[in-house]
Amino acid sequence: MEPGQEVTATAQNVYAAVYGNSDLGSQLSFKVYKRRWFVLLVLCLLNCSNATIWLTFAPVANQSAQYLQVSLEDINWLSVVFMVVAIPLSFLTTWMLDTLGLRPTLILGSWLNMLGALLRFLGASRFDGSHQKFLVVMLGQTFGAIAQPLIIFTPTKLAALWFPEDQRATANMFSSMSNPLGILLANLISPAVAKTSAQIPTLMVWYTVPAFVVCFLASAGIWSNKPPTPPSASAETSGSEPFIKGIKLLLRNKAYLILLVCFGSGIAVFTCFTTLLEQILCVQGYTNDFAGLCGALFIGVGVFGSAVFGFYVDKSKKFMEVIKINISMTALCCITFSVVCLLPQQKVAIAVVCALFGLFGFSIYPVAMELSVECSYPVGEATSAGLIFVSGQIQSVVYIVILQALTKQLADSPLSTCGDVIYSWKIPMMVMAGLCTVFTSLFVMFFNTRYRRLDAEVQATYKPYQRDERDSSAPYMNR
């Protein structure tokens, strides 16, 4: 589309399909700009860069511990710090996005991300003492952790402000899935570059240069919070509710609370899966390389699934149908994995289950983020999506603690490739599958909402057809 091109056809088509007449009421004129794709590209690159910084050391934990002269537990904290920092900063981030806007939030996130990458490089290459090295590297990770909520809360806000209603889910999908893509890249790049501990400083360069490039693009290329003319009716009132009032409205919204708890549980299950996959599989003799392959299938197929379902939801607006079907299939995959992961010599079955787990599970994320906005409108997009992320982070910590506490040390396991200490994951896997099944069932049975934002846009575009929110004939009412 050309810059400044008017967009009214989508809303007109909706009313034509519903009422058999496209010439209804006075239409408002909205515009889209080519510049929106650049802003989306910057967010995708920034999200990907931050994810690689998050998990830089996890795939090369032994080399990192040897180079920094610390324990493996200390290396784990280089990743865990992201989770610890994100929870208390999430509320400040949601306020900042909905109050100050997109531009200052993204630019601040890009600078914090770049400074974190730079500090890690300096700590790994310019300091001699092991204690100093680790502290400076941890400081760099902390800067990256502070940047994470500024970046990861932004997709729904950007999609609402810059994209028309028939492109929002797609934009959300691209920006959201750039995070797991970054995780995949970290799992590929780190082992390939840092084959020995002496190559850790070189690895830091690989992640520092992209952070500098993205910071420059964000600082020089993002000129405003939103386009001069909104792309949709809802973009005019984006974040219209004050932050505190918005929180109160969310806490009284039954549909949103169900989504908050149940989808937060889904995020926790996925966090446990990615964090514990290697430890679970090694008990039955599966190698680290195979665990890495399963993780790559999980993420790679998941990103593909997100693209497919994101495009479909943009065209059909069937948020509820897609998320309920996919979350049910995800629960079945979780149950299947909890069984096959305990069996030896089942590489094909485990790989297929991991791929399907990612296909259905990852595709839920961008749809759920859009649905959180639809069921909570006119609360700000960053607030509604951000609280779900916080719920997922809190439940992730709880789930990981519970699952690790339920493990049982084994005296011997002839197939194990785990090392000296071997744990049985039979009970934790059954508990994880049970939790996934319970929250999936609750969501499928009790979650129901109308698409408030889409309804508001149609009503704003066609003023003579204002409807009561309980009117079952409203175009986007979930019947």
Protein backbone atom coordinates (compact mmCIF):
# COMPACT_ATOMS: atom_id res chain seq x y z
CA MET A 1 0.00 0.00 0.00
CA GLU A 2 1.10 3.55 -0.63
CA PRO A 3 1.80 5.86 2.34
CA GLY A 4 -1.42 7.51 3.39
CA GLN A 5 -3.62 5.02 1.55
CA GLU A 6 -7.14 4.99 2.99
CA VAL A 7 -8.42 1.78 4.58
CA THR A 8 -12.18 1.37 4.86
CA ALA A 9 -12.76 -1.74 2.77
CA THR A 10 -12.37 -4.27 5.58
CA ALA A 11 -15.06 -2.82 7.82
CA GLN A 12 -17.28 -2.32 4.80
CA ASN A 13 -16.87 -5.97 3.81
CA VAL A 14 -17.82 -7.04 7.33
CA TYR A 15 -21.12 -5.17 7.20
CA ALA A 16 -21.77 -6.32 3.67
CA ALA A 17 -21.41 -9.93 4.79
CA VAL A 18 -23.64 -9.46 7.83
CA TYR A 19 -26.35 -7.18 6.49
CA GLY A 20 -26.10 -7.68 2.73
CA ASN A 21 -25.47 -3.98 2.23
CA SER A 22 -22.10 -2.25 2.15
CA ASP A 23 -23.45 1.30 1.91
CA LEU A 24 -24.38 1.83 5.55
CA GLY A 25 -23.92 4.91 7.66
CA SER A 26 -21.15 7.46 7.58
CA GLN A 27 -17.69 5.91 7.28
CA LEU A 28 -14.60 7.16 9.03
CA SER A 29 -11.38 7.35 7.04
CA PHE A 30 -8.26 5.59 8.31
CA LYS A 31 -4.79 5.33 6.82
CA VAL A 32 -1.86 2.93 6.87
CA TYR A 33 1.78 3.76 6.22
CA LYS A 34 4.64 1.72 4.78
CA ARG A 35 6.66 2.86 7.77
CA ARG A 36 4.74 0.37 9.95
CA TRP A 37 6.78 -2.49 8.49
CA PHE A 38 10.03 -0.82 9.52
CA VAL A 39 8.78 -0.35 13.09
CA LEU A 40 7.72 -4.02 13.12
CA LEU A 41 11.14 -5.07 11.77
CA VAL A 42 12.94 -3.13 14.52
CA LEU A 43 10.79 -4.75 17.21
CA CYS A 44 11.39 -8.23 15.74
CA LEU A 45 15.16 -7.70 15.61
CA LEU A 46 15.19 -6.25 19.12
CA ASN A 47 13.12 -9.12 20.53
CA CYS A 48 15.37 -11.66 18.81
CA SER A 49 18.55 -9.94 20.07
CA ASN A 50 17.27 -9.82 23.64
CA ALA A 51 16.36 -13.52 23.54
CA THR A 52 19.86 -14.45 22.36
CA ILE A 53 21.34 -12.42 25.23
CA TRP A 54 19.00 -14.17 27.66
CA LEU A 55 20.12 -17.69 26.72
CA THR A 56 23.69 -17.06 25.56
CA PHE A 57 25.29 -19.18 28.26
CA ALA A 58 22.77 -22.02 28.73
CA PRO A 59 23.87 -24.08 25.69
CA VAL A 60 27.56 -23.71 26.68
CA ALA A 61 27.20 -23.84 30.46
CA ASN A 62 30.33 -25.95 31.06
CA GLN A 63 32.57 -23.76 28.88
CA SER A 64 31.14 -20.60 30.47
CA ALA A 65 31.66 -21.92 34.01
CA GLN A 66 35.24 -22.86 33.18
CA TYR A 67 36.06 -19.50 31.58
CA LEU A 68 34.41 -17.38 34.29
CA GLN A 69 35.68 -19.77 37.00
CA VAL A 70 32.32 -20.16 38.71
CA SER A 71 29.94 -23.05 39.37
CA LEU A 72 27.19 -24.27 37.04
CA GLU A 73 24.63 -22.91 39.51
CA ASP A 74 26.13 -19.45 39.05
CA ILE A 75 25.89 -19.83 35.26
CA ASN A 76 22.22 -20.78 35.61
CA TRP A 77 21.62 -17.46 37.39
CA LEU A 78 22.74 -15.63 34.25
CA SER A 79 19.47 -16.86 32.70
CA VAL A 80 17.28 -16.93 35.80
CA VAL A 81 17.97 -13.22 36.45
CA PHE A 82 15.69 -12.42 33.48
CA MET A 83 12.75 -14.09 35.21
CA VAL A 84 13.52 -12.53 38.59
CA VAL A 85 13.85 -8.99 37.23
CA ALA A 86 10.87 -9.18 34.84
CA ILE A 87 8.20 -9.78 37.48
CA PRO A 88 8.62 -6.59 39.57
CA LEU A 89 9.36 -4.41 36.51
CA SER A 90 6.35 -5.59 34.53
CA PHE A 91 3.90 -3.15 36.13
CA LEU A 92 6.21 -0.20 35.45
CA THR A 93 6.59 -1.34 31.85
CA THR A 94 2.86 -1.61 31.23
CA TRP A 95 2.35 1.89 32.69
CA MET A 96 5.17 3.25 30.52
CA LEU A 97 3.81 1.74 27.30
CA ASP A 98 0.22 2.88 27.85
CA THR A 99 1.17 6.31 29.24
CA LEU A 100 4.41 7.46 27.58
CA GLY A 101 3.98 5.51 24.37
CA LEU A 102 5.75 3.14 22.02
CA ARG A 103 8.74 5.21 20.93
CA PRO A 104 10.40 5.97 24.31
CA THR A 105 9.74 2.42 25.48
CA LEU A 106 11.35 0.79 22.45
CA ILE A 107 14.31 3.16 22.38
CA LEU A 108 14.96 2.68 26.11
CA GLY A 109 14.72 -1.08 25.66
CA SER A 110 17.17 -1.02 22.75
CA TRP A 111 19.73 1.03 24.72
CA LEU A 112 19.47 -1.19 27.79
CA ASN A 113 19.83 -4.26 25.56
CA MET A 114 22.90 -2.77 23.86
CA LEU A 115 24.52 -1.68 27.13
CA GLY A 116 23.94 -5.15 28.55
CA ALA A 117 25.62 -6.78 25.55
CA LEU A 118 28.55 -4.34 25.80
CA LEU A 119 29.05 -4.97 29.52
CA ARG A 120 29.10 -8.71 28.93
CA PHE A 121 31.78 -8.30 26.27
CA LEU A 122 33.87 -6.04 28.52
CA GLY A 123 33.46 -8.36 31.48
CA ALA A 124 34.52 -11.41 29.49
CA SER A 125 37.46 -9.82 27.66
CA ARG A 126 38.81 -6.87 29.68
CA PHE A 127 38.80 -8.08 33.29
CA ASP A 128 41.37 -10.52 34.64
CA GLY A 129 39.99 -11.59 38.01
CA SER A 130 37.34 -14.32 37.88
CA HIS A 131 35.21 -12.54 40.48
CA GLN A 132 35.27 -9.29 38.51
CA LYS A 133 34.53 -11.07 35.24
CA PHE A 134 31.44 -12.78 36.56
CA LEU A 135 30.09 -9.66 38.30
CA VAL A 136 30.41 -7.51 35.17
CA VAL A 137 28.87 -10.24 32.99
CA MET A 138 26.00 -10.59 35.50
CA LEU A 139 25.53 -6.80 35.44
CA GLY A 140 25.25 -7.00 31.65
CA GLN A 141 22.67 -9.78 31.94
CA THR A 142 20.73 -7.65 34.43
CA PHE A 143 20.59 -4.76 31.95
CA GLY A 144 19.27 -7.19 29.35
CA ALA A 145 16.72 -8.48 31.88
CA ILE A 146 15.50 -4.93 32.54
CA ALA A 147 15.11 -4.44 28.78
CA GLN A 148 13.10 -7.64 28.31
CA PRO A 149 9.67 -6.46 29.57
CA LEU A 150 10.10 -3.19 27.64
CA ILE A 151 10.45 -5.30 24.49
CA ILE A 152 8.26 -8.33 25.04
CA PHE A 153 5.18 -6.32 26.11
CA THR A 154 5.23 -4.21 22.96
CA PRO A 155 3.76 -6.46 20.17
CA THR A 156 0.07 -5.91 20.98
CA LYS A 157 0.61 -2.15 21.37
CA LEU A 158 2.47 -1.86 18.07
CA ALA A 159 -0.14 -3.96 16.24
CA ALA A 160 -2.97 -1.82 17.64
CA LEU A 161 -1.37 1.54 16.81
CA TRP A 162 0.19 0.88 13.40
CA PHE A 163 -1.77 -1.93 11.70
CA PRO A 164 -5.35 -2.21 10.39
CA GLU A 165 -7.63 -4.81 11.94
CA ASP A 166 -6.98 -7.38 9.20
CA GLN A 167 -3.21 -7.32 9.87
CA ARG A 168 -3.02 -7.05 13.66
CA ALA A 169 -2.76 -10.77 14.47
CA THR A 170 -0.11 -11.21 11.77
CA ALA A 171 1.96 -8.31 13.11
CA ASN A 172 1.58 -9.68 16.64
CA MET A 173 2.65 -13.10 15.42
CA PHE A 174 5.83 -11.84 13.75
CA SER A 175 6.93 -9.73 16.70
CA SER A 176 6.01 -12.34 19.33
CA MET A 177 7.65 -15.27 17.53
CA SER A 178 10.92 -13.39 17.08
CA ASN A 179 11.57 -14.19 20.77
CA PRO A 180 11.55 -18.01 20.39
CA LEU A 181 13.45 -17.54 17.13
CA GLY A 182 16.15 -15.78 19.16
CA ILE A 183 16.14 -18.69 21.62
CA LEU A 184 16.65 -21.08 18.71
CA LEU A 185 19.51 -18.96 17.34
CA ALA A 186 21.20 -18.90 20.75
CA ASN A 187 21.01 -22.69 20.90
CA LEU A 188 22.63 -22.90 17.47
CA ILE A 189 25.20 -20.08 17.64
CA SER A 190 26.59 -20.54 21.16
CA PRO A 191 27.68 -24.20 20.75
CA ALA A 192 29.01 -23.51 17.22
CA VAL A 193 31.17 -20.54 18.28
CA ALA A 194 32.24 -21.45 21.84
CA LYS A 195 33.56 -24.98 21.39
CA THR A 196 36.13 -24.27 24.11
CA SER A 197 36.12 -21.94 27.11
CA ALA A 198 38.71 -19.67 25.49
CA GLN A 199 36.18 -18.73 22.79
CA ILE A 200 33.66 -17.17 25.20
CA PRO A 201 34.89 -13.58 24.45
CA THR A 202 34.41 -14.25 20.73
CA LEU A 203 30.89 -15.44 21.47
CA MET A 204 30.18 -12.13 23.21
CA VAL A 205 31.10 -10.29 20.00
CA TRP A 206 28.57 -12.33 18.05
CA TYR A 207 25.77 -11.02 20.26
CA THR A 208 27.10 -7.49 20.86
CA VAL A 209 27.27 -6.37 17.22
CA PRO A 210 23.55 -7.09 16.46
CA ALA A 211 22.56 -5.29 19.67
CA PHE A 212 24.42 -2.16 18.49
CA VAL A 213 22.80 -2.34 15.04
CA VAL A 214 19.27 -2.69 16.46
CA CYS A 215 19.87 0.15 18.92
CA PHE A 216 20.90 2.43 16.05
CA LEU A 217 17.86 1.43 13.98
CA ALA A 218 15.48 2.07 16.88
CA SER A 219 17.02 5.41 17.88
CA ALA A 220 17.33 6.79 14.34
CA GLY A 221 14.35 5.18 12.63
CA ILE A 222 11.40 5.33 15.05
CA TRP A 223 10.16 8.90 14.92
CA SER A 224 6.82 8.81 16.69
CA ASN A 225 4.63 6.78 19.01
CA LYS A 226 1.95 6.30 16.37
CA PRO A 227 1.20 7.28 12.77
CA PRO A 228 -0.32 10.70 11.99
CA THR A 229 -3.65 9.10 11.07
CA PRO A 230 -4.80 5.94 12.87
CA PRO A 231 -5.21 2.68 10.92
CA SER A 232 -8.44 1.75 12.74
CA ALA A 233 -11.11 3.14 15.04
CA SER A 234 -9.65 1.42 18.14
CA ALA A 235 -6.20 2.93 17.48
CA GLU A 236 -7.67 6.36 18.22
CA THR A 237 -8.48 5.32 21.79
CA SER A 238 -5.58 2.92 22.41
CA GLY A 239 -4.72 2.94 26.12
CA SER A 240 -7.61 5.29 26.81
CA GLU A 241 -8.24 3.91 30.31
CA PRO A 242 -5.88 5.18 33.05
CA PHE A 243 -3.47 2.52 34.29
CA ILE A 244 -4.95 1.97 37.77
CA LYS A 245 -8.52 2.09 36.47
CA GLY A 246 -7.52 -0.39 33.76
CA ILE A 247 -6.15 -2.82 36.38
CA LYS A 248 -9.43 -2.60 38.32
CA LEU A 249 -11.45 -3.26 35.18
CA LEU A 250 -9.34 -6.33 34.38
CA LEU A 251 -9.80 -7.73 37.88
CA ARG A 252 -13.59 -7.52 37.40
CA ASN A 253 -13.50 -9.10 33.94
CA LYS A 254 -14.34 -12.82 34.29
CA ALA A 255 -13.23 -13.77 30.78
CA TYR A 256 -9.91 -11.98 31.18
CA LEU A 257 -9.22 -13.60 34.57
CA ILE A 258 -9.80 -17.07 33.10
CA LEU A 259 -7.40 -16.25 30.26
CA LEU A 260 -4.91 -14.79 32.75
CA VAL A 261 -4.76 -17.94 34.88
CA CYS A 262 -5.14 -20.64 32.23
CA PHE A 263 -2.88 -19.18 29.58
CA GLY A 264 -0.37 -18.22 32.29
CA SER A 265 -0.31 -21.90 33.20
CA GLY A 266 0.38 -22.73 29.55
CA ILE A 267 3.36 -20.35 29.53
CA ALA A 268 4.62 -22.07 32.70
CA VAL A 269 4.35 -25.53 31.09
CA PHE A 270 6.34 -24.35 28.08
CA THR A 271 8.98 -22.78 30.33
CA CYS A 272 9.34 -26.05 32.23
CA PHE A 273 9.57 -27.99 28.98
CA THR A 274 12.36 -25.86 27.50
CA THR A 275 14.23 -25.57 30.81
CA LEU A 276 14.12 -29.23 31.83
CA LEU A 277 14.10 -31.05 28.47
CA GLU A 278 17.75 -32.10 28.54
CA GLN A 279 17.54 -33.32 32.16
CA ILE A 280 14.38 -35.32 31.42
CA LEU A 281 15.69 -37.08 28.30
CA CYS A 282 19.18 -37.96 29.55
CA VAL A 283 17.77 -40.45 32.10
CA GLN A 284 16.77 -42.84 29.31
CA GLY A 285 20.06 -42.47 27.44
CA TYR A 286 19.19 -39.69 25.00
CA THR A 287 22.17 -37.43 24.23
CA ASN A 288 22.44 -33.66 24.54
CA ASP A 289 22.54 -33.44 20.74
CA PHE A 290 19.18 -35.23 20.50
CA ALA A 291 17.71 -32.99 23.20
CA GLY A 292 18.94 -30.00 21.19
CA LEU A 293 17.29 -31.39 18.07
CA CYS A 294 13.99 -31.81 19.94
CA GLY A 295 14.25 -28.24 21.20
CA ALA A 296 14.92 -26.99 17.67
CA LEU A 297 11.90 -28.91 16.33
CA PHE A 298 9.78 -27.56 19.18
CA ILE A 299 10.64 -23.96 18.34
CA GLY A 300 11.04 -24.19 14.56
CA VAL A 301 7.76 -26.00 13.89
CA GLY A 302 6.11 -23.75 16.49
CA VAL A 303 7.13 -20.58 14.65
CA PHE A 304 5.74 -22.07 11.42
CA GLY A 305 2.47 -22.92 13.18
CA SER A 306 2.23 -19.40 14.57
CA ALA A 307 2.58 -17.97 11.07
CA VAL A 308 -0.14 -20.23 9.65
CA PHE A 309 -2.65 -19.64 12.44
CA GLY A 310 -1.78 -15.95 12.69
CA PHE A 311 -2.69 -15.39 9.03
CA TYR A 312 -5.84 -17.48 9.42
CA VAL A 313 -7.07 -15.58 12.48
CA ASP A 314 -6.41 -12.25 10.77
CA LYS A 315 -8.73 -13.22 7.93
CA SER A 316 -11.38 -15.19 9.83
CA LYS A 317 -11.41 -13.48 13.27
CA LYS A 318 -12.04 -16.89 14.84
CA PHE A 319 -9.88 -16.25 17.91
CA MET A 320 -11.90 -18.43 20.26
CA GLU A 321 -12.21 -21.41 17.95
CA VAL A 322 -8.50 -21.45 17.11
CA ILE A 323 -7.26 -21.07 20.67
CA LYS A 324 -9.62 -23.68 22.13
CA ILE A 325 -8.78 -26.29 19.50
CA ASN A 326 -5.04 -25.62 19.71
CA ILE A 327 -4.88 -25.58 23.50
CA SER A 328 -6.72 -28.93 23.55
CA MET A 329 -4.23 -30.41 21.08
CA THR A 330 -1.38 -28.98 23.17
CA ALA A 331 -2.68 -30.76 26.27
CA LEU A 332 -2.81 -34.05 24.34
CA CYS A 333 0.79 -33.53 23.21
CA CYS A 334 1.85 -32.79 26.80
CA ILE A 335 0.22 -36.01 28.01
CA THR A 336 1.86 -37.99 25.20
CA PHE A 337 5.28 -36.50 25.93
CA SER A 338 4.97 -37.34 29.64
CA VAL A 339 4.69 -40.99 28.59
CA VAL A 340 7.15 -41.37 25.70
CA CYS A 341 9.94 -39.40 27.44
CA LEU A 342 10.13 -42.18 30.04
CA LEU A 343 10.75 -44.86 27.41
CA PRO A 344 14.17 -45.75 25.94
CA GLN A 345 14.89 -45.97 22.20
CA GLN A 346 11.91 -43.87 21.12
CA LYS A 347 13.71 -41.08 19.25
CA VAL A 348 11.22 -40.81 16.40
CA ALA A 349 8.19 -40.71 18.69
CA ILE A 350 9.78 -38.10 20.99
CA ALA A 351 10.86 -35.93 18.05
CA VAL A 352 7.38 -36.05 16.49
CA VAL A 353 5.68 -35.22 19.79
CA CYS A 354 8.03 -32.28 20.40
CA ALA A 355 7.30 -30.94 16.90
CA LEU A 356 3.52 -31.23 17.40
CA PHE A 357 3.83 -29.74 20.89
CA GLY A 358 5.48 -26.68 19.36
CA LEU A 359 3.09 -26.54 16.39
CA PHE A 360 -0.05 -26.24 18.52
CA GLY A 361 1.47 -24.63 21.60
CA PHE A 362 3.40 -21.74 20.06
CA SER A 363 0.52 -20.87 17.75
CA ILE A 364 -1.57 -20.08 20.84
CA TYR A 365 0.68 -17.25 22.03
CA PRO A 366 0.00 -14.47 19.46
CA VAL A 367 -3.69 -15.42 19.29
CA ALA A 368 -3.98 -15.27 23.10
CA MET A 369 -2.26 -11.87 23.19
CA GLU A 370 -4.75 -10.49 20.66
CA LEU A 371 -7.63 -12.16 22.50
CA SER A 372 -6.51 -10.54 25.78
CA VAL A 373 -6.98 -7.16 24.11
CA GLU A 374 -10.28 -8.10 22.50
CA CYS A 375 -11.88 -9.27 25.75
CA SER A 376 -10.57 -6.35 27.85
CA TYR A 377 -10.99 -3.35 25.52
CA PRO A 378 -10.76 -0.37 26.18
CA VAL A 379 -8.01 -1.21 28.72
CA GLY A 380 -4.56 -0.46 27.28
CA GLU A 381 -2.97 -3.19 25.19
CA ALA A 382 0.25 -3.26 27.21
CA THR A 383 -1.65 -3.64 30.47
CA SER A 384 -3.87 -6.52 29.35
CA ALA A 385 -1.05 -8.43 27.58
CA GLY A 386 1.56 -7.56 30.21
CA LEU A 387 -0.37 -8.99 33.14
CA ILE A 388 -0.68 -12.31 31.30
CA PHE A 389 3.11 -12.37 30.87
CA VAL A 390 3.51 -11.68 34.61
CA SER A 391 1.10 -14.51 35.39
CA GLY A 392 3.14 -16.83 33.19
CA GLN A 393 6.42 -15.82 34.84
CA ILE A 394 5.09 -16.31 38.37
CA GLN A 395 3.55 -19.68 37.53
CA SER A 396 6.78 -20.70 35.76
CA VAL A 397 8.78 -20.20 38.95
CA VAL A 398 6.19 -22.15 40.97
CA TYR A 399 6.02 -25.01 38.45
CA ILE A 400 9.79 -25.39 38.17
CA VAL A 401 10.20 -25.45 41.96
CA ILE A 402 7.40 -28.02 42.34
CA LEU A 403 8.62 -30.30 39.54
CA GLN A 404 12.20 -30.27 40.76
CA ALA A 405 11.03 -31.00 44.31
CA LEU A 406 9.11 -34.05 43.06
CA THR A 407 12.15 -35.64 41.41
CA LYS A 408 13.62 -38.72 43.05
CA GLN A 409 17.32 -39.54 42.96
CA LEU A 410 18.09 -42.92 41.39
CA ALA A 411 20.83 -45.19 42.66
CA ASP A 412 21.61 -46.42 39.17
CA SER A 413 20.39 -46.08 35.58
CA PRO A 414 22.39 -48.08 33.02
CA LEU A 415 21.19 -45.99 30.07
CA SER A 416 21.73 -42.58 31.66
CA THR A 417 23.84 -39.88 30.02
CA CYS A 418 23.12 -37.40 32.83
CA GLY A 419 26.44 -37.63 34.67
CA ASP A 420 27.03 -38.58 38.28
CA VAL A 421 23.63 -37.62 39.74
CA ILE A 422 20.52 -39.15 38.16
CA TYR A 423 16.92 -38.17 38.91
CA SER A 424 13.65 -39.85 38.03
CA TRP A 425 11.22 -37.50 36.25
CA LYS A 426 8.26 -39.89 36.15
CA ILE A 427 6.17 -38.20 38.84
CA PRO A 428 7.03 -34.60 37.78
CA MET A 429 6.05 -35.38 34.17
CA MET A 430 2.71 -36.80 35.26
CA VAL A 431 2.09 -33.76 37.45
CA MET A 432 2.93 -31.40 34.57
CA ALA A 433 0.58 -33.27 32.25
CA GLY A 434 -2.13 -33.17 34.92
CA LEU A 435 -1.78 -29.42 35.46
CA CYS A 436 -1.86 -28.80 31.72
CA THR A 437 -5.01 -30.93 31.37
CA VAL A 438 -6.83 -29.28 34.29
CA PHE A 439 -6.23 -25.70 33.13
CA THR A 440 -6.99 -26.60 29.51
CA SER A 441 -10.32 -28.12 30.54
CA LEU A 442 -11.21 -25.07 32.63
CA PHE A 443 -10.39 -22.75 29.72
CA VAL A 444 -12.34 -24.71 27.12
CA MET A 445 -15.42 -25.02 29.35
CA PHE A 446 -15.61 -21.59 30.94
CA PHE A 447 -13.89 -19.04 28.68
CA ASN A 448 -16.32 -17.07 26.58
CA THR A 449 -16.19 -13.47 25.46
CA ARG A 450 -17.27 -11.13 22.73
CA TYR A 451 -14.68 -9.26 20.70
CA ARG A 452 -15.05 -5.84 22.29
CA ARG A 453 -12.42 -4.04 20.22
CA LEU A 454 -13.74 -5.32 16.88
CA ASP A 455 -17.30 -4.44 17.89
CA ALA A 456 -16.20 -0.96 18.93
CA GLU A 457 -14.47 -0.43 15.60
CA VAL A 458 -17.55 -1.44 13.60
CA GLN A 459 -19.79 0.75 15.76
CA ALA A 460 -17.41 3.70 15.41
CA THR A 461 -17.29 3.26 11.65
CA TYR A 462 -21.04 2.81 11.18
CA LYS A 463 -22.61 5.13 13.74
CA PRO A 464 -26.28 4.47 12.93
CA TYR A 465 -25.79 0.84 13.97
CA GLN A 466 -24.90 1.26 17.63
CA ARG A 467 -25.73 -1.88 19.60
CA ASP A 468 -26.09 -2.97 23.17
CA GLU A 469 -23.10 -5.17 24.14
CA ARG A 470 -25.47 -8.08 24.85
CA ASP A 471 -27.02 -7.96 21.38
CA SER A 472 -26.33 -11.38 19.89
CA SER A 473 -26.59 -10.02 16.35
CA ALA A 474 -23.51 -7.80 16.73
CA PRO A 475 -21.05 -8.69 13.94
CA TYR A 476 -18.22 -9.96 16.15
CA MET A 477 -20.28 -11.33 19.03
CA ASN A 478 -19.20 -14.83 19.94
CA ARG A 479 -22.42 -16.74 19.59
